[in-house]
C-alpha atoms as a PDB file:
ATOM      1  CA  UNK A   1     -48.812 -24.114  18.096  1.00  0.00           C
ATOM      2  CA  UNK A   2     -45.910 -24.252  15.656  1.00  0.00           C
ATOM      3  CA  UNK A   3     -46.794 -24.979  12.034  1.00  0.00           C
ATOM      4  CA  UNK A   4     -45.312 -28.347  11.032  1.00  0.00           C
ATOM      5  CA  UNK A   5     -44.801 -27.373   7.389  1.00  0.00           C
ATOM      6  CA  UNK A   6     -42.794 -24.331   8.420  1.00  0.00           C
ATOM      7  CA  UNK A   7     -40.729 -26.447  10.803  1.00  0.00           C
ATOM      8  CA  UNK A   8     -39.883 -28.725   7.902  1.00  0.00           C
ATOM      9  CA  UNK A   9     -38.856 -25.707   5.822  1.00  0.00           C
ATOM     10  CA  UNK A  10     -36.457 -24.732   8.590  1.00  0.00           C
ATOM     11  CA  UNK A  11     -35.007 -28.246   8.549  1.00  0.00           C
ATOM     12  CA  UNK A  12     -34.589 -28.032   4.776  1.00  0.00           C
ATOM     13  CA  UNK A  13     -32.629 -24.816   5.226  1.00  0.00           C
ATOM     14  CA  UNK A  14     -30.356 -26.574   7.706  1.00  0.00           C
ATOM     15  CA  UNK A  15     -29.760 -29.448   5.284  1.00  0.00           C
ATOM     16  CA  UNK A  16     -29.417 -27.479   2.043  1.00  0.00           C
ATOM     17  CA  UNK A  17     -27.690 -24.333   3.245  1.00  0.00           C
ATOM     18  CA  UNK A  18     -29.421 -21.519   1.362  1.00  0.00           C
ATOM     19  CA  UNK A  19     -32.935 -20.220   0.798  1.00  0.00           C
ATOM     20  CA  UNK A  20     -32.408 -20.575  -2.958  1.00  0.00           C
ATOM     21  CA  UNK A  21     -31.546 -24.277  -2.651  1.00  0.00           C
ATOM     22  CA  UNK A  22     -34.578 -24.899  -0.434  1.00  0.00           C
ATOM     23  CA  UNK A  23     -36.806 -23.111  -2.928  1.00  0.00           C
ATOM     24  CA  UNK A  24     -35.366 -25.101  -5.827  1.00  0.00           C
ATOM     25  CA  UNK A  25     -35.744 -28.439  -4.027  1.00  0.00           C
ATOM     26  CA  UNK A  26     -39.330 -27.816  -2.939  1.00  0.00           C
ATOM     27  CA  UNK A  27     -40.457 -25.928  -6.069  1.00  0.00           C
ATOM     28  CA  UNK A  28     -41.184 -22.730  -4.134  1.00  0.00           C
ATOM     29  CA  UNK A  29     -40.018 -19.192  -4.788  1.00  0.00           C
ATOM     30  CA  UNK A  30     -37.211 -17.913  -2.512  1.00  0.00           C
ATOM     31  CA  UNK A  31     -39.491 -15.104  -1.324  1.00  0.00           C
ATOM     32  CA  UNK A  32     -42.178 -17.617  -0.341  1.00  0.00           C
ATOM     33  CA  UNK A  33     -39.659 -19.645   1.684  1.00  0.00           C
ATOM     34  CA  UNK A  34     -38.444 -16.471   3.379  1.00  0.00           C
ATOM     35  CA  UNK A  35     -41.992 -15.402   4.234  1.00  0.00           C
ATOM     36  CA  UNK A  36     -42.863 -18.787   5.723  1.00  0.00           C
ATOM     37  CA  UNK A  37     -39.748 -18.786   7.887  1.00  0.00           C
ATOM     38  CA  UNK A  38     -40.543 -15.246   9.052  1.00  0.00           C
ATOM     39  CA  UNK A  39     -43.987 -16.473  10.129  1.00  0.00           C
ATOM     40  CA  UNK A  40     -42.343 -19.368  11.981  1.00  0.00           C
ATOM     41  CA  UNK A  41     -40.210 -16.864  13.894  1.00  0.00           C
ATOM     42  CA  UNK A  42     -43.370 -15.036  14.964  1.00  0.00           C
ATOM     43  CA  UNK A  43     -44.959 -18.317  16.061  1.00  0.00           C
ATOM     44  CA  UNK A  44     -41.856 -19.311  18.023  1.00  0.00           C
ATOM     45  CA  UNK A  45     -41.389 -15.875  19.544  1.00  0.00           C
ATOM     46  CA  UNK A  46     -37.597 -16.082  19.184  1.00  0.00           C
ATOM     47  CA  UNK A  47     -35.018 -15.219  16.549  1.00  0.00           C
ATOM     48  CA  UNK A  48     -34.392 -18.201  14.284  1.00  0.00           C
ATOM     49  CA  UNK A  49     -32.273 -16.761  11.462  1.00  0.00           C
ATOM     50  CA  UNK A  50     -29.392 -14.296  11.354  1.00  0.00           C
ATOM     51  CA  UNK A  51     -27.867 -12.728   8.259  1.00  0.00           C
ATOM     52  CA  UNK A  52     -24.211 -13.550   7.671  1.00  0.00           C
ATOM     53  CA  UNK A  53     -23.203 -11.717   4.512  1.00  0.00           C
ATOM     54  CA  UNK A  54     -25.440 -12.956   1.698  1.00  0.00           C
ATOM     55  CA  UNK A  55     -26.469 -16.073   3.608  1.00  0.00           C
ATOM     56  CA  UNK A  56     -28.538 -16.776   6.685  1.00  0.00           C
ATOM     57  CA  UNK A  57     -27.412 -18.787   9.709  1.00  0.00           C
ATOM     58  CA  UNK A  58     -29.577 -20.701  12.146  1.00  0.00           C
ATOM     59  CA  UNK A  59     -29.629 -19.617  15.789  1.00  0.00           C
ATOM     60  CA  UNK A  60     -29.262 -22.173  18.608  1.00  0.00           C
ATOM     61  CA  UNK A  61     -33.056 -22.021  19.038  1.00  0.00           C
ATOM     62  CA  UNK A  62     -33.507 -22.831  15.353  1.00  0.00           C
ATOM     63  CA  UNK A  63     -31.133 -25.787  15.676  1.00  0.00           C
ATOM     64  CA  UNK A  64     -33.305 -27.102  18.515  1.00  0.00           C
ATOM     65  CA  UNK A  65     -36.417 -26.864  16.342  1.00  0.00           C
ATOM     66  CA  UNK A  66     -34.599 -28.610  13.474  1.00  0.00           C
ATOM     67  CA  UNK A  67     -33.862 -31.529  15.781  1.00  0.00           C
ATOM     68  CA  UNK A  68     -37.542 -31.870  16.674  1.00  0.00           C
ATOM     69  CA  UNK A  69     -38.573 -31.438  13.026  1.00  0.00           C
ATOM     70  CA  UNK A  70     -36.394 -34.422  12.122  1.00  0.00           C
ATOM     71  CA  UNK A  71     -38.067 -36.506  14.820  1.00  0.00           C
ATOM     72  CA  UNK A  72     -41.483 -35.472  13.497  1.00  0.00           C
ATOM     73  CA  UNK A  73     -40.517 -36.508   9.974  1.00  0.00           C
ATOM     74  CA  UNK A  74     -39.333 -39.906  11.152  1.00  0.00           C
ATOM     75  CA  UNK A  75     -42.588 -40.413  13.050  1.00  0.00           C
ATOM     76  CA  UNK A  76     -44.687 -39.447  10.030  1.00  0.00           C
ATOM     77  CA  UNK A  77     -42.639 -41.665   7.702  1.00  0.00           C
ATOM     78  CA  UNK A  78     -42.936 -44.606  10.103  1.00  0.00           C
ATOM     79  CA  UNK A  79     -46.704 -44.040  10.303  1.00  0.00           C
ATOM     80  CA  UNK A  80     -46.965 -44.034   6.500  1.00  0.00           C
ATOM     81  CA  UNK A  81     -44.947 -47.270   6.304  1.00  0.00           C
ATOM     82  CA  UNK A  82     -47.172 -48.966   8.892  1.00  0.00           C
ATOM     83  CA  UNK A  83     -50.290 -47.735   7.120  1.00  0.00           C
ATOM     84  CA  UNK A  84     -49.043 -49.137   3.803  1.00  0.00           C
ATOM     85  CA  UNK A  85     -48.178 -52.393   5.566  1.00  0.00           C
ATOM     86  CA  UNK A  86     -51.750 -52.753   6.804  1.00  0.00           C
ATOM     87  CA  UNK A  87     -53.042 -52.973   3.228  1.00  0.00           C
ATOM     88  CA  UNK A  88     -53.316 -56.196   1.245  1.00  0.00           C
ATOM     89  CA  UNK A  89     -51.810 -54.702  -1.926  1.00  0.00           C
ATOM     90  CA  UNK A  90     -48.223 -53.527  -2.333  1.00  0.00           C
ATOM     91  CA  UNK A  91     -48.470 -50.171  -4.092  1.00  0.00           C
ATOM     92  CA  UNK A  92     -47.028 -46.677  -4.245  1.00  0.00           C
ATOM     93  CA  UNK A  93     -44.089 -44.847  -5.821  1.00  0.00           C
ATOM     94  CA  UNK A  94     -40.445 -45.564  -5.012  1.00  0.00           C
ATOM     95  CA  UNK A  95     -37.778 -43.066  -6.056  1.00  0.00           C
ATOM     96  CA  UNK A  96     -34.404 -44.756  -6.531  1.00  0.00           C
ATOM     97  CA  UNK A  97     -30.942 -43.284  -7.112  1.00  0.00           C
ATOM     98  CA  UNK A  98     -28.347 -45.612  -8.636  1.00  0.00           C
ATOM     99  CA  UNK A  99     -24.903 -45.404 -10.232  1.00  0.00           C
ATOM    100  CA  UNK A 100     -24.299 -46.396 -13.833  1.00  0.00           C
ATOM    101  CA  UNK A 101     -22.770 -49.880 -13.690  1.00  0.00           C
ATOM    102  CA  UNK A 102     -25.336 -51.063 -11.136  1.00  0.00           C
ATOM    103  CA  UNK A 103     -28.144 -49.582 -13.225  1.00  0.00           C
ATOM    104  CA  UNK A 104     -26.974 -51.458 -16.309  1.00  0.00           C
ATOM    105  CA  UNK A 105     -26.363 -54.742 -14.509  1.00  0.00           C
ATOM    106  CA  UNK A 106     -29.255 -54.889 -12.042  1.00  0.00           C
ATOM    107  CA  UNK A 107     -32.153 -52.677 -13.047  1.00  0.00           C
ATOM    108  CA  UNK A 108     -33.412 -54.384 -16.228  1.00  0.00           C
ATOM    109  CA  UNK A 109     -34.117 -57.657 -14.379  1.00  0.00           C
ATOM    110  CA  UNK A 110     -35.254 -55.856 -11.211  1.00  0.00           C
ATOM    111  CA  UNK A 111     -37.786 -53.753 -13.114  1.00  0.00           C
ATOM    112  CA  UNK A 112     -39.067 -56.795 -14.986  1.00  0.00           C
ATOM    113  CA  UNK A 113     -39.601 -58.623 -11.675  1.00  0.00           C
ATOM    114  CA  UNK A 114     -41.278 -55.590 -10.088  1.00  0.00           C
ATOM    115  CA  UNK A 115     -43.673 -55.201 -13.034  1.00  0.00           C
ATOM    116  CA  UNK A 116     -44.559 -58.886 -12.865  1.00  0.00           C
ATOM    117  CA  UNK A 117     -44.817 -59.387  -9.096  1.00  0.00           C
ATOM    118  CA  UNK A 118     -45.767 -55.886  -7.869  1.00  0.00           C
ATOM    119  CA  UNK A 119     -47.555 -54.180 -10.771  1.00  0.00           C
ATOM    120  CA  UNK A 120     -49.018 -51.432  -8.600  1.00  0.00           C
ATOM    121  CA  UNK A 121     -45.594 -50.154  -7.536  1.00  0.00           C
ATOM    122  CA  UNK A 122     -44.247 -47.321  -9.672  1.00  0.00           C
ATOM    123  CA  UNK A 123     -40.423 -47.103  -9.847  1.00  0.00           C
ATOM    124  CA  UNK A 124     -38.796 -43.767 -10.673  1.00  0.00           C
ATOM    125  CA  UNK A 125     -35.048 -44.146 -11.282  1.00  0.00           C
ATOM    126  CA  UNK A 126     -32.363 -41.464 -11.565  1.00  0.00           C
ATOM    127  CA  UNK A 127     -28.659 -42.056 -12.204  1.00  0.00           C
ATOM    128  CA  UNK A 128     -26.551 -40.445  -9.473  1.00  0.00           C
ATOM    129  CA  UNK A 129     -23.036 -40.794  -8.154  1.00  0.00           C
ATOM    130  CA  UNK A 130     -23.179 -42.613  -4.794  1.00  0.00           C
ATOM    131  CA  UNK A 131     -21.616 -39.802  -2.760  1.00  0.00           C
ATOM    132  CA  UNK A 132     -24.344 -37.393  -3.871  1.00  0.00           C
ATOM    133  CA  UNK A 133     -27.149 -39.949  -3.836  1.00  0.00           C
ATOM    134  CA  UNK A 134     -26.569 -41.031  -0.236  1.00  0.00           C
ATOM    135  CA  UNK A 135     -27.017 -37.475   0.973  1.00  0.00           C
ATOM    136  CA  UNK A 136     -30.041 -36.928  -1.279  1.00  0.00           C
ATOM    137  CA  UNK A 137     -31.671 -40.070   0.132  1.00  0.00           C
ATOM    138  CA  UNK A 138     -31.000 -38.792   3.644  1.00  0.00           C
ATOM    139  CA  UNK A 139     -32.638 -35.450   2.738  1.00  0.00           C
ATOM    140  CA  UNK A 140     -35.629 -37.362   1.300  1.00  0.00           C
ATOM    141  CA  UNK A 141     -35.102 -36.592  -2.383  1.00  0.00           C
ATOM    142  CA  UNK A 142     -35.005 -40.381  -2.915  1.00  0.00           C
ATOM    143  CA  UNK A 143     -36.443 -43.381  -1.079  1.00  0.00           C
ATOM    144  CA  UNK A 144     -33.642 -45.829  -1.855  1.00  0.00           C
ATOM    145  CA  UNK A 145     -30.063 -45.541  -3.076  1.00  0.00           C
ATOM    146  CA  UNK A 146     -27.837 -48.179  -4.617  1.00  0.00           C
ATOM    147  CA  UNK A 147     -24.296 -47.152  -3.702  1.00  0.00           C
ATOM    148  CA  UNK A 148     -20.762 -48.539  -3.708  1.00  0.00           C
ATOM    149  CA  UNK A 149     -17.790 -48.775  -1.398  1.00  0.00           C
ATOM    150  CA  UNK A 150     -14.193 -49.408  -2.396  1.00  0.00           C
ATOM    151  CA  UNK A 151     -11.625 -51.202  -0.209  1.00  0.00           C
ATOM    152  CA  UNK A 152     -10.233 -48.833   2.415  1.00  0.00           C
ATOM    153  CA  UNK A 153     -12.530 -46.031   1.264  1.00  0.00           C
ATOM    154  CA  UNK A 154     -15.663 -45.881   3.428  1.00  0.00           C
ATOM    155  CA  UNK A 155     -18.797 -44.464   1.822  1.00  0.00           C
ATOM    156  CA  UNK A 156     -20.393 -41.477   3.631  1.00  0.00           C
ATOM    157  CA  UNK A 157     -22.510 -42.379   6.663  1.00  0.00           C
ATOM    158  CA  UNK A 158     -25.772 -40.627   7.535  1.00  0.00           C
ATOM    159  CA  UNK A 159     -27.467 -41.367  10.858  1.00  0.00           C
ATOM    160  CA  UNK A 160     -30.922 -42.189   9.472  1.00  0.00           C
ATOM    161  CA  UNK A 161     -29.733 -44.498   6.673  1.00  0.00           C
ATOM    162  CA  UNK A 162     -29.339 -48.252   7.030  1.00  0.00           C
ATOM    163  CA  UNK A 163     -27.076 -50.341   4.804  1.00  0.00           C
ATOM    164  CA  UNK A 164     -27.714 -53.769   3.217  1.00  0.00           C
ATOM    165  CA  UNK A 165     -25.105 -55.414   1.004  1.00  0.00           C
ATOM    166  CA  UNK A 166     -26.275 -56.455  -2.464  1.00  0.00           C
ATOM    167  CA  UNK A 167     -23.153 -57.916  -4.040  1.00  0.00           C
ATOM    168  CA  UNK A 168     -19.434 -57.449  -4.478  1.00  0.00           C
ATOM    169  CA  UNK A 169     -17.275 -57.540  -7.577  1.00  0.00           C
ATOM    170  CA  UNK A 170     -13.568 -57.562  -8.340  1.00  0.00           C
ATOM    171  CA  UNK A 171     -11.831 -54.436  -9.621  1.00  0.00           C
ATOM    172  CA  UNK A 172      -9.288 -55.154 -12.342  1.00  0.00           C
ATOM    173  CA  UNK A 173      -6.767 -53.343 -14.500  1.00  0.00           C
ATOM    174  CA  UNK A 174      -8.230 -52.910 -17.985  1.00  0.00           C
ATOM    175  CA  UNK A 175      -5.694 -52.457 -20.801  1.00  0.00           C
ATOM    176  CA  UNK A 176      -6.045 -52.350 -24.607  1.00  0.00           C
ATOM    177  CA  UNK A 177      -6.473 -55.713 -26.321  1.00  0.00           C
ATOM    178  CA  UNK A 178      -3.429 -57.019 -28.165  1.00  0.00           C
ATOM    179  CA  UNK A 179      -4.920 -55.966 -31.510  1.00  0.00           C
ATOM    180  CA  UNK A 180      -4.759 -52.276 -30.599  1.00  0.00           C
ATOM    181  CA  UNK A 181      -2.052 -52.244 -27.910  1.00  0.00           C
ATOM    182  CA  UNK A 182       1.219 -50.485 -28.707  1.00  0.00           C
ATOM    183  CA  UNK A 183       3.037 -52.470 -26.013  1.00  0.00           C
ATOM    184  CA  UNK A 184       2.377 -55.411 -23.734  1.00  0.00           C
ATOM    185  CA  UNK A 185       1.292 -54.556 -20.171  1.00  0.00           C
ATOM    186  CA  UNK A 186       1.315 -57.287 -17.550  1.00  0.00           C
ATOM    187  CA  UNK A 187       1.022 -55.326 -14.286  1.00  0.00           C
ATOM    188  CA  UNK A 188      -0.205 -52.015 -12.914  1.00  0.00           C
ATOM    189  CA  UNK A 189       3.409 -50.913 -12.410  1.00  0.00           C
ATOM    190  CA  UNK A 190       3.909 -51.058 -16.176  1.00  0.00           C
ATOM    191  CA  UNK A 191       1.147 -48.477 -16.753  1.00  0.00           C
ATOM    192  CA  UNK A 192       3.272 -45.687 -15.261  1.00  0.00           C
ATOM    193  CA  UNK A 193       3.818 -44.208 -18.726  1.00  0.00           C
ATOM    194  CA  UNK A 194       0.283 -44.859 -19.990  1.00  0.00           C
ATOM    195  CA  UNK A 195      -2.624 -42.478 -20.479  1.00  0.00           C
ATOM    196  CA  UNK A 196      -5.352 -43.118 -17.906  1.00  0.00           C
ATOM    197  CA  UNK A 197      -9.100 -42.590 -17.949  1.00  0.00           C
ATOM    198  CA  UNK A 198     -10.801 -42.151 -14.579  1.00  0.00           C
ATOM    199  CA  UNK A 199     -14.038 -40.910 -13.086  1.00  0.00           C
ATOM    200  CA  UNK A 200     -14.236 -37.264 -11.930  1.00  0.00           C
ATOM    201  CA  UNK A 201     -12.600 -35.937  -8.781  1.00  0.00           C
ATOM    202  CA  UNK A 202     -14.727 -36.401  -5.670  1.00  0.00           C
ATOM    203  CA  UNK A 203     -15.879 -39.918  -6.537  1.00  0.00           C
ATOM    204  CA  UNK A 204     -14.810 -42.906  -4.464  1.00  0.00           C
ATOM    205  CA  UNK A 205     -13.618 -44.754  -7.560  1.00  0.00           C
ATOM    206  CA  UNK A 206     -11.319 -41.872  -8.561  1.00  0.00           C
ATOM    207  CA  UNK A 207      -9.774 -41.605  -5.124  1.00  0.00           C
ATOM    208  CA  UNK A 208      -9.289 -45.365  -4.917  1.00  0.00           C
ATOM    209  CA  UNK A 209      -7.783 -45.600  -8.423  1.00  0.00           C
ATOM    210  CA  UNK A 210      -5.295 -42.814  -7.716  1.00  0.00           C
ATOM    211  CA  UNK A 211      -4.268 -44.491  -4.461  1.00  0.00           C
ATOM    212  CA  UNK A 212      -3.816 -47.823  -6.260  1.00  0.00           C
ATOM    213  CA  UNK A 213      -1.441 -46.174  -8.735  1.00  0.00           C
ATOM    214  CA  UNK A 214       0.486 -44.392  -5.993  1.00  0.00           C
ATOM    215  CA  UNK A 215       0.821 -47.641  -4.067  1.00  0.00           C
ATOM    216  CA  UNK A 216       2.342 -49.097  -7.253  1.00  0.00           C
ATOM    217  CA  UNK A 217       4.943 -46.329  -7.211  1.00  0.00           C
ATOM    218  CA  UNK A 218       3.733 -43.709  -9.689  1.00  0.00           C
ATOM    219  CA  UNK A 219       1.347 -40.802 -10.198  1.00  0.00           C
ATOM    220  CA  UNK A 220      -1.176 -41.650 -12.955  1.00  0.00           C
ATOM    221  CA  UNK A 221      -1.288 -39.499 -16.079  1.00  0.00           C
ATOM    222  CA  UNK A 222      -5.073 -38.931 -16.118  1.00  0.00           C
ATOM    223  CA  UNK A 223      -5.716 -37.469 -19.566  1.00  0.00           C
ATOM    224  CA  UNK A 224      -9.366 -38.441 -19.801  1.00  0.00           C
ATOM    225  CA  UNK A 225     -12.114 -37.999 -17.246  1.00  0.00           C
ATOM    226  CA  UNK A 226     -15.649 -39.383 -17.511  1.00  0.00           C
ATOM    227  CA  UNK A 227     -18.204 -40.986 -15.213  1.00  0.00           C
ATOM    228  CA  UNK A 228     -19.479 -43.038 -18.157  1.00  0.00           C
ATOM    229  CA  UNK A 229     -17.818 -46.445 -17.893  1.00  0.00           C
ATOM    230  CA  UNK A 230     -18.984 -47.337 -21.407  1.00  0.00           C
ATOM    231  CA  UNK A 231     -16.987 -44.362 -22.690  1.00  0.00           C
ATOM    232  CA  UNK A 232     -14.009 -45.562 -20.648  1.00  0.00           C
ATOM    233  CA  UNK A 233     -14.246 -48.983 -22.275  1.00  0.00           C
ATOM    234  CA  UNK A 234     -14.269 -47.393 -25.733  1.00  0.00           C
ATOM    235  CA  UNK A 235     -11.066 -45.496 -24.955  1.00  0.00           C
ATOM    236  CA  UNK A 236      -9.394 -48.701 -23.736  1.00  0.00           C
ATOM    237  CA  UNK A 237     -10.632 -50.777 -26.701  1.00  0.00           C
ATOM    238  CA  UNK A 238      -9.151 -48.262 -29.134  1.00  0.00           C
ATOM    239  CA  UNK A 239      -5.759 -48.330 -27.428  1.00  0.00           C
ATOM    240  CA  UNK A 240      -5.948 -44.807 -26.049  1.00  0.00           C
ATOM    241  CA  UNK A 241      -6.129 -45.440 -22.305  1.00  0.00           C
ATOM    242  CA  UNK A 242      -5.973 -47.834 -19.388  1.00  0.00           C
ATOM    243  CA  UNK A 243      -8.326 -47.894 -16.395  1.00  0.00           C
ATOM    244  CA  UNK A 244      -9.451 -49.759 -13.301  1.00  0.00           C
ATOM    245  CA  UNK A 245     -12.872 -51.293 -13.922  1.00  0.00           C
ATOM    246  CA  UNK A 246     -15.252 -53.327 -11.729  1.00  0.00           C
ATOM    247  CA  UNK A 247     -16.498 -56.664 -13.072  1.00  0.00           C
ATOM    248  CA  UNK A 248     -20.138 -55.547 -12.902  1.00  0.00           C
ATOM    249  CA  UNK A 249     -19.594 -53.407 -15.993  1.00  0.00           C
ATOM    250  CA  UNK A 250     -19.285 -56.574 -18.103  1.00  0.00           C
ATOM    251  CA  UNK A 251     -22.741 -57.889 -17.244  1.00  0.00           C
ATOM    252  CA  UNK A 252     -24.621 -58.736 -20.460  1.00  0.00           C
ATOM    253  CA  UNK A 253     -21.721 -57.728 -22.693  1.00  0.00           C
ATOM    254  CA  UNK A 254     -18.578 -59.426 -23.966  1.00  0.00           C
ATOM    255  CA  UNK A 255     -15.242 -58.452 -22.446  1.00  0.00           C
ATOM    256  CA  UNK A 256     -13.542 -56.439 -25.184  1.00  0.00           C
ATOM    257  CA  UNK A 257     -10.312 -55.456 -23.417  1.00  0.00           C
ATOM    258  CA  UNK A 258      -7.560 -57.335 -21.607  1.00  0.00           C
ATOM    259  CA  UNK A 259      -8.143 -57.629 -17.852  1.00  0.00           C
ATOM    260  CA  UNK A 260      -5.367 -58.097 -15.315  1.00  0.00           C
ATOM    261  CA  UNK A 261      -5.689 -59.027 -11.649  1.00  0.00           C
ATOM    262  CA  UNK A 262      -4.543 -56.423  -9.140  1.00  0.00           C
ATOM    263  CA  UNK A 263      -2.391 -57.138  -6.084  1.00  0.00           C
ATOM    264  CA  UNK A 264      -4.552 -58.333  -3.191  1.00  0.00           C
ATOM    265  CA  UNK A 265      -7.551 -59.090  -5.447  1.00  0.00           C
ATOM    266  CA  UNK A 266      -9.537 -55.960  -4.380  1.00  0.00           C
ATOM    267  CA  UNK A 267     -13.345 -56.106  -4.429  1.00  0.00           C
ATOM    268  CA  UNK A 268     -15.914 -53.326  -4.456  1.00  0.00           C
ATOM    269  CA  UNK A 269     -19.073 -53.652  -2.341  1.00  0.00           C
ATOM    270  CA  UNK A 270     -22.475 -52.659  -3.759  1.00  0.00           C
ATOM    271  CA  UNK A 271     -25.189 -51.934  -1.191  1.00  0.00           C
ATOM    272  CA  UNK A 272     -28.605 -50.347  -0.756  1.00  0.00           C
ATOM    273  CA  UNK A 273     -29.614 -47.744   1.825  1.00  0.00           C
ATOM    274  CA  UNK A 274     -33.004 -46.446   2.934  1.00  0.00           C
ATOM    275  CA  UNK A 275     -34.093 -44.291   5.851  1.00  0.00           C
ATOM    276  CA  UNK A 276     -34.722 -46.447   8.906  1.00  0.00           C
ATOM    277  CA  UNK A 277     -38.216 -45.062   9.467  1.00  0.00           C
ATOM    278  CA  UNK A 278     -39.131 -46.094   5.921  1.00  0.00           C
ATOM    279  CA  UNK A 279     -37.425 -49.492   5.842  1.00  0.00           C
ATOM    280  CA  UNK A 280     -40.608 -51.524   6.471  1.00  0.00           C
ATOM    281  CA  UNK A 281     -42.640 -49.822   3.758  1.00  0.00           C
ATOM    282  CA  UNK A 282     -43.902 -52.734   1.614  1.00  0.00           C
ATOM    283  CA  UNK A 283     -42.924 -51.221  -1.731  1.00  0.00           C
ATOM    284  CA  UNK A 284     -39.365 -50.675  -0.508  1.00  0.00           C
ATOM    285  CA  UNK A 285     -39.175 -54.170   0.962  1.00  0.00           C
ATOM    286  CA  UNK A 286     -40.334 -55.541  -2.397  1.00  0.00           C
ATOM    287  CA  UNK A 287     -37.773 -53.534  -4.375  1.00  0.00           C
ATOM    288  CA  UNK A 288     -34.941 -54.629  -2.116  1.00  0.00           C
ATOM    289  CA  UNK A 289     -36.083 -58.224  -2.556  1.00  0.00           C
ATOM    290  CA  UNK A 290     -36.001 -58.092  -6.349  1.00  0.00           C
ATOM    291  CA  UNK A 291     -32.689 -56.186  -6.386  1.00  0.00           C
ATOM    292  CA  UNK A 292     -31.179 -58.958  -4.278  1.00  0.00           C
ATOM    293  CA  UNK A 293     -32.591 -61.518  -6.727  1.00  0.00           C
ATOM    294  CA  UNK A 294     -31.134 -59.620  -9.690  1.00  0.00           C
ATOM    295  CA  UNK A 295     -27.761 -59.410  -7.933  1.00  0.00           C
ATOM    296  CA  UNK A 296     -27.712 -63.184  -7.430  1.00  0.00           C
ATOM    297  CA  UNK A 297     -28.085 -63.693 -11.164  1.00  0.00           C
ATOM    298  CA  UNK A 298     -25.259 -61.330 -12.123  1.00  0.00           C
ATOM    299  CA  UNK A 299     -22.336 -63.371 -13.405  1.00  0.00           C
ATOM    300  CA  UNK A 300     -20.072 -61.357 -15.706  1.00  0.00           C
ATOM    301  CA  UNK A 301     -18.058 -63.604 -18.033  1.00  0.00           C
ATOM    302  CA  UNK A 302     -14.641 -62.250 -17.085  1.00  0.00           C
ATOM    303  CA  UNK A 303     -11.378 -63.850 -18.188  1.00  0.00           C
ATOM    304  CA  UNK A 304      -8.233 -62.508 -16.568  1.00  0.00           C
ATOM    305  CA  UNK A 305      -4.940 -62.480 -18.513  1.00  0.00           C
ATOM    306  CA  UNK A 306      -1.752 -63.416 -16.759  1.00  0.00           C
END
């Protein structure tokens, strides 16, 4: 009979690409991973891996086993969720990946509610960009991800992940306040000669912001790049940059820059995703419930100029 743990190692190799990445993710040594996969080949009686330069590629037979390994994982995860659901106490550990503005706006209240209503649930939170976090939730590094989607820019889809909307917020042009501004800006078109701050390449927000500028007829001069929206606000406050910011960033803080509406009043969607086999796990159901409650209470005090 094939060893289930070795089958799961093979699946990890398919998902992560290299023996070194599998070893790093699972806290094994690369040699140990290689030895276990060699034993799996002996058990299967067929070639599973082929060397291609410095990497290894999966054979068609290995791909078949990976498919079955995924089905086994889903079955095991569903069994664990049903087992947890049979208990009278909601307990366990939930690993959550979340992006910065959602973490600042939603997590303080959500954690307070979880500690009060579900004290035996342990929440472990890591800040991650949504594009990375969705994949890491699919590969089982996290149990739940809070992600975002911009208008006309679909977030990555993974077959095992569901999607539940939490909230939506407007995205606005943020320009220096009059006290620090060197000139008056009343539209995105007038920022063509301005210095911009944006998130790094590869993020949905960066792609969307660049497209918004191009639709307005210019290529943005992106002099500053940071995923930290608080740092972006500081650059705008001081008169050194302009940016496109979602309203959620103003939760629990005063608006300290001038905000302008964009054509079409674009809104960003914030949603949660979990693996379908894990969706009924009581601790995850509880966390989604309190996140939804926290989202209902979010009401940034935003005043738009012009």
